[in-house]
């Protein structure tokens, strides 16, 4: 445990950020799972709406530094490809 006041504060801030990031990462995974479920149900309109939400969530996560921008791009590409395959 740190003794210096600023170091104590940094530990507290790191703990708070870790919780916030974990929650945001969990929400992102939930959004992606909802897209997967919509895709599995073969409801194209529902899947299209879920895809839009998932892409938006990935963009926001990348902008906030939660995930790397290339990771977001790769995931968007893969889910779009899966949607296009199912929509045909």
C-alpha atoms as a PDB file:
ATOM      1  CA  UNK A   1       0.000   0.000   0.000  1.00  0.00           C
ATOM      2  CA  UNK A   2       1.438   3.392  -0.940  1.00  0.00           C
ATOM      3  CA  UNK A   3       2.303   5.973   1.707  1.00  0.00           C
ATOM      4  CA  UNK A   4       2.402   9.088  -0.466  1.00  0.00           C
ATOM      5  CA  UNK A   5      -0.894  10.958  -0.765  1.00  0.00           C
ATOM      6  CA  UNK A   6      -0.814  11.235  -4.567  1.00  0.00           C
ATOM      7  CA  UNK A   7      -0.003   7.517  -4.904  1.00  0.00           C
ATOM      8  CA  UNK A   8      -2.927   6.641  -2.630  1.00  0.00           C
ATOM      9  CA  UNK A   9      -5.174   8.737  -4.854  1.00  0.00           C
ATOM     10  CA  UNK A  10      -3.839   7.034  -7.998  1.00  0.00           C
ATOM     11  CA  UNK A  11      -4.636   3.599  -6.512  1.00  0.00           C
ATOM     12  CA  UNK A  12      -8.191   4.750  -5.788  1.00  0.00           C
ATOM     13  CA  UNK A  13      -8.616   6.184  -9.298  1.00  0.00           C
ATOM     14  CA  UNK A  14      -7.178   3.032 -10.891  1.00  0.00           C
ATOM     15  CA  UNK A  15      -9.637   0.891  -8.915  1.00  0.00           C
ATOM     16  CA  UNK A  16     -12.590   3.073 -10.010  1.00  0.00           C
ATOM     17  CA  UNK A  17     -11.490   3.041 -13.655  1.00  0.00           C
ATOM     18  CA  UNK A  18     -11.034  -0.723 -13.583  1.00  0.00           C
ATOM     19  CA  UNK A  19     -14.625  -1.178 -12.391  1.00  0.00           C
ATOM     20  CA  UNK A  20     -15.961   1.290 -14.948  1.00  0.00           C
ATOM     21  CA  UNK A  21     -14.001  -0.332 -17.793  1.00  0.00           C
ATOM     22  CA  UNK A  22     -15.109  -3.813 -16.737  1.00  0.00           C
ATOM     23  CA  UNK A  23     -18.727  -2.688 -16.787  1.00  0.00           C
ATOM     24  CA  UNK A  24     -18.339  -1.045 -20.207  1.00  0.00           C
ATOM     25  CA  UNK A  25     -16.557  -4.125 -21.605  1.00  0.00           C
ATOM     26  CA  UNK A  26     -19.357  -6.332 -20.290  1.00  0.00           C
ATOM     27  CA  UNK A  27     -21.978  -4.088 -21.908  1.00  0.00           C
ATOM     28  CA  UNK A  28     -20.085  -4.316 -25.204  1.00  0.00           C
ATOM     29  CA  UNK A  29     -20.031  -8.118 -25.026  1.00  0.00           C
ATOM     30  CA  UNK A  30     -23.764  -8.130 -24.231  1.00  0.00           C
ATOM     31  CA  UNK A  31     -24.465  -5.991 -27.297  1.00  0.00           C
ATOM     32  CA  UNK A  32     -22.484  -8.385 -29.464  1.00  0.00           C
ATOM     33  CA  UNK A  33     -24.305 -11.392 -27.965  1.00  0.00           C
ATOM     34  CA  UNK A  34     -27.657  -9.739 -28.686  1.00  0.00           C
ATOM     35  CA  UNK A  35     -26.595  -9.404 -32.308  1.00  0.00           C
ATOM     36  CA  UNK A  36     -25.606 -13.085 -32.373  1.00  0.00           C
ATOM     37  CA  UNK A  37     -28.994 -14.044 -30.919  1.00  0.00           C
ATOM     38  CA  UNK A  38     -30.857 -11.896 -33.443  1.00  0.00           C
ATOM     39  CA  UNK A  39     -28.836 -13.442 -36.253  1.00  0.00           C
ATOM     40  CA  UNK A  40     -29.556 -16.952 -34.996  1.00  0.00           C
ATOM     41  CA  UNK A  41     -33.295 -16.244 -34.866  1.00  0.00           C
ATOM     42  CA  UNK A  42     -33.245 -15.529 -38.628  1.00  0.00           C
ATOM     43  CA  UNK A  43     -35.153 -12.262 -38.108  1.00  0.00           C
ATOM     44  CA  UNK A  44     -33.400  -9.985 -40.622  1.00  0.00           C
ATOM     45  CA  UNK A  45     -34.951  -6.710 -39.408  1.00  0.00           C
ATOM     46  CA  UNK A  46     -34.106  -7.447 -35.785  1.00  0.00           C
ATOM     47  CA  UNK A  47     -30.587  -8.516 -36.781  1.00  0.00           C
ATOM     48  CA  UNK A  48     -30.108  -5.320 -38.822  1.00  0.00           C
ATOM     49  CA  UNK A  49     -31.045  -3.178 -35.807  1.00  0.00           C
ATOM     50  CA  UNK A  50     -28.795  -5.240 -33.540  1.00  0.00           C
ATOM     51  CA  UNK A  51     -25.941  -4.876 -36.048  1.00  0.00           C
ATOM     52  CA  UNK A  52     -26.302  -1.090 -36.015  1.00  0.00           C
ATOM     53  CA  UNK A  53     -26.208  -1.056 -32.208  1.00  0.00           C
ATOM     54  CA  UNK A  54     -23.203  -3.381 -32.134  1.00  0.00           C
ATOM     55  CA  UNK A  55     -21.245  -1.283 -34.638  1.00  0.00           C
ATOM     56  CA  UNK A  56     -22.034   1.877 -32.675  1.00  0.00           C
ATOM     57  CA  UNK A  57     -20.957   0.216 -29.423  1.00  0.00           C
ATOM     58  CA  UNK A  58     -17.689  -0.964 -30.988  1.00  0.00           C
ATOM     59  CA  UNK A  59     -16.961   2.526 -32.326  1.00  0.00           C
ATOM     60  CA  UNK A  60     -17.611   4.075 -28.922  1.00  0.00           C
ATOM     61  CA  UNK A  61     -15.448   1.498 -27.160  1.00  0.00           C
ATOM     62  CA  UNK A  62     -12.580   2.175 -29.563  1.00  0.00           C
ATOM     63  CA  UNK A  63     -12.963   5.941 -29.168  1.00  0.00           C
ATOM     64  CA  UNK A  64     -12.809   5.625 -25.374  1.00  0.00           C
ATOM     65  CA  UNK A  65      -9.741   3.381 -25.552  1.00  0.00           C
ATOM     66  CA  UNK A  66     -11.598   0.404 -24.126  1.00  0.00           C
ATOM     67  CA  UNK A  67     -10.509  -1.720 -27.085  1.00  0.00           C
ATOM     68  CA  UNK A  68      -7.957  -1.050 -29.822  1.00  0.00           C
ATOM     69  CA  UNK A  69      -9.305   0.594 -32.988  1.00  0.00           C
ATOM     70  CA  UNK A  70      -8.084  -2.309 -35.130  1.00  0.00           C
ATOM     71  CA  UNK A  71      -9.888  -4.771 -32.870  1.00  0.00           C
ATOM     72  CA  UNK A  72     -13.097  -2.772 -33.278  1.00  0.00           C
ATOM     73  CA  UNK A  73     -12.594  -2.677 -37.040  1.00  0.00           C
ATOM     74  CA  UNK A  74     -11.974  -6.420 -37.207  1.00  0.00           C
ATOM     75  CA  UNK A  75     -15.071  -7.214 -35.130  1.00  0.00           C
ATOM     76  CA  UNK A  76     -17.240  -4.859 -37.219  1.00  0.00           C
ATOM     77  CA  UNK A  77     -15.984  -6.504 -40.386  1.00  0.00           C
ATOM     78  CA  UNK A  78     -16.692  -9.999 -39.104  1.00  0.00           C
ATOM     79  CA  UNK A  79     -20.198  -9.282 -37.823  1.00  0.00           C
ATOM     80  CA  UNK A  80     -21.071  -7.388 -41.013  1.00  0.00           C
ATOM     81  CA  UNK A  81     -19.854 -10.316 -43.088  1.00  0.00           C
ATOM     82  CA  UNK A  82     -21.959 -12.727 -41.013  1.00  0.00           C
ATOM     83  CA  UNK A  83     -25.019 -10.489 -41.342  1.00  0.00           C
ATOM     84  CA  UNK A  84     -24.625 -10.166 -45.109  1.00  0.00           C
ATOM     85  CA  UNK A  85     -24.279 -13.934 -45.431  1.00  0.00           C
ATOM     86  CA  UNK A  86     -27.452 -14.521 -43.385  1.00  0.00           C
ATOM     87  CA  UNK A  87     -29.452 -11.752 -45.078  1.00  0.00           C
ATOM     88  CA  UNK A  88     -29.048 -13.232 -48.562  1.00  0.00           C
END
